[in-house]
């Protein structure tokens, strides 16, 4: 099991939220902003939590250091590059801000899985679908590969995973349910 002292958390919150119509990080589930929900899930397992906000700093209602993407429009990969560059731990645990159903318990399998030889442990849903924004990254081996991809303009996470030793880890329940539009939430939330 990875100890919190060995893990930095990273909330990927740099997207434009175009399908959502407003900043997703501030949308609420049960009255709590998405960014606070994802931050809490990560903070339970990390020494520090960072928030990647794109190329411009944004203030969010969480105790986290803001990191800036190295390129505009770089998507989650640019946010991952920012987090890896600032992480001071051997591991970086990332989660997208549009995963508001994520909980500390849902992340436990990622932290408990054996990592021998793996560069990244990627969360998969019960159907086997990968959620590469929710993953545990080995900073030392992943950072140079991510930097190379960003420099080359290869910004798809799936392309990055093709270059790394990947271990898939199943995450149960609906914790990996993406909220891309207000309709993805129940009527009482949003």
C-alpha atoms as a PDB file:
ATOM      1  CA  UNK A   1       0.000   0.000   0.000  1.00  0.00           C
ATOM      2  CA  UNK A   2       1.307   3.432  -0.913  1.00  0.00           C
ATOM      3  CA  UNK A   3       1.681   5.683   2.110  1.00  0.00           C
ATOM      4  CA  UNK A   4       0.307   9.256   1.985  1.00  0.00           C
ATOM      5  CA  UNK A   5       3.847  10.610   2.488  1.00  0.00           C
ATOM      6  CA  UNK A   6       4.782   9.050  -0.867  1.00  0.00           C
ATOM      7  CA  UNK A   7       1.812  10.493  -2.788  1.00  0.00           C
ATOM      8  CA  UNK A   8       0.898  13.927  -4.142  1.00  0.00           C
ATOM      9  CA  UNK A   9      -2.709  14.420  -5.221  1.00  0.00           C
ATOM     10  CA  UNK A  10      -3.634  16.288  -8.399  1.00  0.00           C
ATOM     11  CA  UNK A  11      -7.068  17.618  -9.308  1.00  0.00           C
ATOM     12  CA  UNK A  12      -7.242  18.137 -13.076  1.00  0.00           C
ATOM     13  CA  UNK A  13      -9.422  21.251 -13.323  1.00  0.00           C
ATOM     14  CA  UNK A  14      -8.008  23.096 -16.325  1.00  0.00           C
ATOM     15  CA  UNK A  15     -10.661  22.310 -18.905  1.00  0.00           C
ATOM     16  CA  UNK A  16     -12.926  24.869 -20.519  1.00  0.00           C
ATOM     17  CA  UNK A  17     -16.157  23.153 -19.345  1.00  0.00           C
ATOM     18  CA  UNK A  18     -17.707  23.935 -22.745  1.00  0.00           C
ATOM     19  CA  UNK A  19     -20.263  21.100 -22.615  1.00  0.00           C
ATOM     20  CA  UNK A  20     -21.144  22.014 -19.046  1.00  0.00           C
ATOM     21  CA  UNK A  21     -21.692  25.703 -19.798  1.00  0.00           C
ATOM     22  CA  UNK A  22     -19.859  26.994 -16.714  1.00  0.00           C
ATOM     23  CA  UNK A  23     -16.827  26.066 -14.636  1.00  0.00           C
ATOM     24  CA  UNK A  24     -17.435  22.422 -13.700  1.00  0.00           C
ATOM     25  CA  UNK A  25     -15.150  22.702 -10.698  1.00  0.00           C
ATOM     26  CA  UNK A  26     -17.693  24.986  -9.022  1.00  0.00           C
ATOM     27  CA  UNK A  27     -20.759  22.912  -9.931  1.00  0.00           C
ATOM     28  CA  UNK A  28     -22.138  21.158  -6.871  1.00  0.00           C
ATOM     29  CA  UNK A  29     -23.232  17.685  -5.874  1.00  0.00           C
ATOM     30  CA  UNK A  30     -25.150  17.629  -2.607  1.00  0.00           C
ATOM     31  CA  UNK A  31     -24.275  21.303  -2.156  1.00  0.00           C
ATOM     32  CA  UNK A  32     -20.511  20.650  -2.309  1.00  0.00           C
ATOM     33  CA  UNK A  33     -18.441  21.901  -5.291  1.00  0.00           C
ATOM     34  CA  UNK A  34     -16.974  19.191  -7.503  1.00  0.00           C
ATOM     35  CA  UNK A  35     -13.462  20.478  -6.838  1.00  0.00           C
ATOM     36  CA  UNK A  36     -13.977  20.061  -3.074  1.00  0.00           C
ATOM     37  CA  UNK A  37     -15.338  16.527  -3.499  1.00  0.00           C
ATOM     38  CA  UNK A  38     -12.421  15.382  -5.681  1.00  0.00           C
ATOM     39  CA  UNK A  39      -9.927  17.212  -3.451  1.00  0.00           C
ATOM     40  CA  UNK A  40     -11.272  15.400  -0.372  1.00  0.00           C
ATOM     41  CA  UNK A  41     -11.005  12.003  -2.090  1.00  0.00           C
ATOM     42  CA  UNK A  42      -7.367  12.671  -3.004  1.00  0.00           C
ATOM     43  CA  UNK A  43      -6.399  14.378   0.272  1.00  0.00           C
ATOM     44  CA  UNK A  44      -7.254  11.234   2.231  1.00  0.00           C
ATOM     45  CA  UNK A  45      -4.349   9.483   0.481  1.00  0.00           C
ATOM     46  CA  UNK A  46      -1.828  12.255  -0.197  1.00  0.00           C
ATOM     47  CA  UNK A  47       0.693  14.421   1.599  1.00  0.00           C
ATOM     48  CA  UNK A  48      -0.329  17.423  -0.519  1.00  0.00           C
ATOM     49  CA  UNK A  49      -2.965  18.133  -3.173  1.00  0.00           C
ATOM     50  CA  UNK A  50      -2.348  20.289  -6.235  1.00  0.00           C
ATOM     51  CA  UNK A  51      -4.964  21.750  -8.577  1.00  0.00           C
ATOM     52  CA  UNK A  52      -4.074  22.148 -12.262  1.00  0.00           C
ATOM     53  CA  UNK A  53      -6.189  25.060 -13.500  1.00  0.00           C
ATOM     54  CA  UNK A  54      -5.010  25.433 -17.099  1.00  0.00           C
ATOM     55  CA  UNK A  55      -2.664  28.226 -18.114  1.00  0.00           C
ATOM     56  CA  UNK A  56      -4.356  30.809 -15.858  1.00  0.00           C
ATOM     57  CA  UNK A  57      -4.648  30.531 -12.080  1.00  0.00           C
ATOM     58  CA  UNK A  58      -8.164  30.055 -10.713  1.00  0.00           C
ATOM     59  CA  UNK A  59      -9.157  30.317  -7.076  1.00  0.00           C
ATOM     60  CA  UNK A  60     -11.128  27.371  -5.719  1.00  0.00           C
ATOM     61  CA  UNK A  61     -12.543  26.711  -2.230  1.00  0.00           C
ATOM     62  CA  UNK A  62      -9.919  24.070  -1.329  1.00  0.00           C
ATOM     63  CA  UNK A  63      -6.578  24.080   0.461  1.00  0.00           C
ATOM     64  CA  UNK A  64      -4.383  23.243  -2.499  1.00  0.00           C
ATOM     65  CA  UNK A  65      -1.506  24.738  -4.410  1.00  0.00           C
ATOM     66  CA  UNK A  66      -2.386  25.805  -7.963  1.00  0.00           C
ATOM     67  CA  UNK A  67      -0.157  24.559 -10.779  1.00  0.00           C
ATOM     68  CA  UNK A  68      -0.325  25.864 -14.348  1.00  0.00           C
ATOM     69  CA  UNK A  69      -0.320  23.880 -17.574  1.00  0.00           C
ATOM     70  CA  UNK A  70       2.830  24.310 -19.678  1.00  0.00           C
ATOM     71  CA  UNK A  71       0.743  24.787 -22.869  1.00  0.00           C
ATOM     72  CA  UNK A  72      -2.702  26.191 -23.619  1.00  0.00           C
ATOM     73  CA  UNK A  73      -5.367  23.752 -24.756  1.00  0.00           C
ATOM     74  CA  UNK A  74      -3.299  20.759 -23.693  1.00  0.00           C
ATOM     75  CA  UNK A  75      -6.137  18.986 -21.914  1.00  0.00           C
ATOM     76  CA  UNK A  76      -5.524  16.532 -19.083  1.00  0.00           C
ATOM     77  CA  UNK A  77      -2.024  15.723 -20.335  1.00  0.00           C
ATOM     78  CA  UNK A  78      -0.913  19.345 -19.833  1.00  0.00           C
ATOM     79  CA  UNK A  79      -2.411  19.308 -16.330  1.00  0.00           C
ATOM     80  CA  UNK A  80      -0.614  16.049 -15.627  1.00  0.00           C
ATOM     81  CA  UNK A  81       2.651  17.642 -16.822  1.00  0.00           C
ATOM     82  CA  UNK A  82       2.109  20.546 -14.404  1.00  0.00           C
ATOM     83  CA  UNK A  83       1.428  18.184 -11.502  1.00  0.00           C
ATOM     84  CA  UNK A  84       4.387  15.928 -12.235  1.00  0.00           C
ATOM     85  CA  UNK A  85       6.722  18.923 -12.461  1.00  0.00           C
ATOM     86  CA  UNK A  86       5.646  20.151  -9.013  1.00  0.00           C
ATOM     87  CA  UNK A  87       5.237  16.824  -7.200  1.00  0.00           C
ATOM     88  CA  UNK A  88       7.834  16.164  -4.513  1.00  0.00           C
ATOM     89  CA  UNK A  89       6.825  12.558  -3.957  1.00  0.00           C
ATOM     90  CA  UNK A  90       7.512   9.311  -5.826  1.00  0.00           C
ATOM     91  CA  UNK A  91       3.841   8.991  -6.827  1.00  0.00           C
ATOM     92  CA  UNK A  92       1.175  11.353  -8.208  1.00  0.00           C
ATOM     93  CA  UNK A  93      -2.488  10.419  -7.762  1.00  0.00           C
ATOM     94  CA  UNK A  94      -4.619  12.257 -10.316  1.00  0.00           C
ATOM     95  CA  UNK A  95      -8.361  12.683 -10.715  1.00  0.00           C
ATOM     96  CA  UNK A  96     -10.384  14.877 -13.057  1.00  0.00           C
ATOM     97  CA  UNK A  97     -12.654  17.469 -11.483  1.00  0.00           C
ATOM     98  CA  UNK A  98     -15.598  15.933 -13.379  1.00  0.00           C
ATOM     99  CA  UNK A  99     -15.460  12.801 -11.177  1.00  0.00           C
ATOM    100  CA  UNK A 100     -17.510  14.162  -8.240  1.00  0.00           C
ATOM    101  CA  UNK A 101     -18.639  10.681  -7.131  1.00  0.00           C
ATOM    102  CA  UNK A 102     -15.047   9.703  -6.339  1.00  0.00           C
ATOM    103  CA  UNK A 103     -14.458   8.857  -2.665  1.00  0.00           C
ATOM    104  CA  UNK A 104     -11.423   7.987  -0.554  1.00  0.00           C
ATOM    105  CA  UNK A 105     -12.687   4.378  -0.399  1.00  0.00           C
ATOM    106  CA  UNK A 106     -13.002   4.174  -4.191  1.00  0.00           C
ATOM    107  CA  UNK A 107      -9.332   5.170  -4.562  1.00  0.00           C
ATOM    108  CA  UNK A 108      -8.040   2.529  -2.121  1.00  0.00           C
ATOM    109  CA  UNK A 109      -7.639  -0.205  -4.777  1.00  0.00           C
ATOM    110  CA  UNK A 110      -5.267   2.043  -6.764  1.00  0.00           C
ATOM    111  CA  UNK A 111      -3.138   2.635  -3.688  1.00  0.00           C
ATOM    112  CA  UNK A 112      -3.213  -1.006  -2.567  1.00  0.00           C
ATOM    113  CA  UNK A 113      -2.373  -2.576  -5.940  1.00  0.00           C
ATOM    114  CA  UNK A 114       1.172  -3.849  -6.401  1.00  0.00           C
ATOM    115  CA  UNK A 115       3.155  -1.397  -8.509  1.00  0.00           C
ATOM    116  CA  UNK A 116       6.251  -3.513  -9.275  1.00  0.00           C
ATOM    117  CA  UNK A 117       7.374  -2.601 -12.745  1.00  0.00           C
ATOM    118  CA  UNK A 118       4.395  -0.346 -13.457  1.00  0.00           C
ATOM    119  CA  UNK A 119       4.778   3.294 -14.439  1.00  0.00           C
ATOM    120  CA  UNK A 120       1.083   3.924 -13.899  1.00  0.00           C
ATOM    121  CA  UNK A 121      -1.858   2.228 -12.244  1.00  0.00           C
ATOM    122  CA  UNK A 122      -4.984   3.247 -14.159  1.00  0.00           C
ATOM    123  CA  UNK A 123      -8.496   3.027 -12.746  1.00  0.00           C
ATOM    124  CA  UNK A 124     -10.984   0.956 -14.711  1.00  0.00           C
ATOM    125  CA  UNK A 125     -14.743   0.878 -14.228  1.00  0.00           C
ATOM    126  CA  UNK A 126     -16.613  -2.385 -13.530  1.00  0.00           C
ATOM    127  CA  UNK A 127     -17.072  -2.834 -17.300  1.00  0.00           C
ATOM    128  CA  UNK A 128     -13.300  -2.664 -17.878  1.00  0.00           C
ATOM    129  CA  UNK A 129     -13.247   0.842 -19.365  1.00  0.00           C
ATOM    130  CA  UNK A 130     -10.104   2.818 -18.579  1.00  0.00           C
ATOM    131  CA  UNK A 131     -10.342   6.216 -16.870  1.00  0.00           C
ATOM    132  CA  UNK A 132      -6.805   7.548 -17.401  1.00  0.00           C
ATOM    133  CA  UNK A 133      -7.509  10.819 -15.595  1.00  0.00           C
ATOM    134  CA  UNK A 134      -7.890   8.731 -12.429  1.00  0.00           C
ATOM    135  CA  UNK A 135      -4.516   7.078 -12.000  1.00  0.00           C
ATOM    136  CA  UNK A 136      -1.458   6.675  -9.825  1.00  0.00           C
ATOM    137  CA  UNK A 137       1.650   7.805 -11.738  1.00  0.00           C
ATOM    138  CA  UNK A 138       5.304   6.997 -10.900  1.00  0.00           C
ATOM    139  CA  UNK A 139       6.735  10.532 -11.116  1.00  0.00           C
ATOM    140  CA  UNK A 140      10.353   9.610 -11.907  1.00  0.00           C
ATOM    141  CA  UNK A 141       9.565   7.498 -14.979  1.00  0.00           C
ATOM    142  CA  UNK A 142       6.432   9.265 -16.219  1.00  0.00           C
ATOM    143  CA  UNK A 143       7.504  12.929 -16.035  1.00  0.00           C
ATOM    144  CA  UNK A 144      10.066  12.776 -18.886  1.00  0.00           C
ATOM    145  CA  UNK A 145       7.675  10.883 -21.164  1.00  0.00           C
ATOM    146  CA  UNK A 146       4.883  13.383 -20.484  1.00  0.00           C
ATOM    147  CA  UNK A 147       7.242  16.306 -21.129  1.00  0.00           C
ATOM    148  CA  UNK A 148       8.248  14.726 -24.450  1.00  0.00           C
ATOM    149  CA  UNK A 149       4.594  14.274 -25.457  1.00  0.00           C
ATOM    150  CA  UNK A 150       3.710  17.869 -24.534  1.00  0.00           C
ATOM    151  CA  UNK A 151       6.706  19.218 -26.494  1.00  0.00           C
ATOM    152  CA  UNK A 152       5.679  17.166 -29.537  1.00  0.00           C
ATOM    153  CA  UNK A 153       2.022  18.233 -29.279  1.00  0.00           C
ATOM    154  CA  UNK A 154       0.905  14.633 -28.676  1.00  0.00           C
ATOM    155  CA  UNK A 155      -1.721  15.420 -26.063  1.00  0.00           C
ATOM    156  CA  UNK A 156      -3.903  12.288 -25.933  1.00  0.00           C
ATOM    157  CA  UNK A 157      -3.634  10.342 -22.682  1.00  0.00           C
ATOM    158  CA  UNK A 158      -4.163   7.042 -24.524  1.00  0.00           C
ATOM    159  CA  UNK A 159      -1.033   7.769 -26.615  1.00  0.00           C
ATOM    160  CA  UNK A 160       0.892   8.370 -23.398  1.00  0.00           C
ATOM    161  CA  UNK A 161      -0.335   5.077 -21.921  1.00  0.00           C
ATOM    162  CA  UNK A 162       0.958   3.262 -25.000  1.00  0.00           C
ATOM    163  CA  UNK A 163       4.484   4.337 -23.996  1.00  0.00           C
ATOM    164  CA  UNK A 164       4.247   3.298 -20.335  1.00  0.00           C
ATOM    165  CA  UNK A 165       4.061   0.093 -18.329  1.00  0.00           C
ATOM    166  CA  UNK A 166       0.389   0.143 -17.320  1.00  0.00           C
ATOM    167  CA  UNK A 167      -1.416  -1.864 -14.658  1.00  0.00           C
ATOM    168  CA  UNK A 168      -5.205  -1.622 -14.690  1.00  0.00           C
ATOM    169  CA  UNK A 169      -6.991  -1.516 -11.345  1.00  0.00           C
ATOM    170  CA  UNK A 170     -10.733  -1.960 -11.042  1.00  0.00           C
ATOM    171  CA  UNK A 171     -12.652   0.724  -9.151  1.00  0.00           C
ATOM    172  CA  UNK A 172     -16.101  -0.394  -8.026  1.00  0.00           C
ATOM    173  CA  UNK A 173     -19.462   1.324  -8.212  1.00  0.00           C
ATOM    174  CA  UNK A 174     -20.158   4.625  -9.908  1.00  0.00           C
ATOM    175  CA  UNK A 175     -17.089   6.451  -8.604  1.00  0.00           C
ATOM    176  CA  UNK A 176     -15.746   6.937 -12.140  1.00  0.00           C
ATOM    177  CA  UNK A 177     -18.963   8.447 -13.534  1.00  0.00           C
ATOM    178  CA  UNK A 178     -17.943  11.537 -15.547  1.00  0.00           C
ATOM    179  CA  UNK A 179     -20.168  14.584 -15.310  1.00  0.00           C
ATOM    180  CA  UNK A 180     -19.671  16.361 -18.620  1.00  0.00           C
ATOM    181  CA  UNK A 181     -22.999  18.183 -18.811  1.00  0.00           C
ATOM    182  CA  UNK A 182     -25.570  19.332 -16.235  1.00  0.00           C
ATOM    183  CA  UNK A 183     -27.876  16.528 -17.393  1.00  0.00           C
ATOM    184  CA  UNK A 184     -25.369  13.991 -16.100  1.00  0.00           C
ATOM    185  CA  UNK A 185     -26.371  15.009 -12.554  1.00  0.00           C
ATOM    186  CA  UNK A 186     -29.601  14.302 -10.748  1.00  0.00           C
ATOM    187  CA  UNK A 187     -32.295  17.032 -10.615  1.00  0.00           C
ATOM    188  CA  UNK A 188     -31.389  18.119  -7.063  1.00  0.00           C
ATOM    189  CA  UNK A 189     -27.715  18.677  -7.899  1.00  0.00           C
ATOM    190  CA  UNK A 190     -25.812  20.948 -10.257  1.00  0.00           C
END
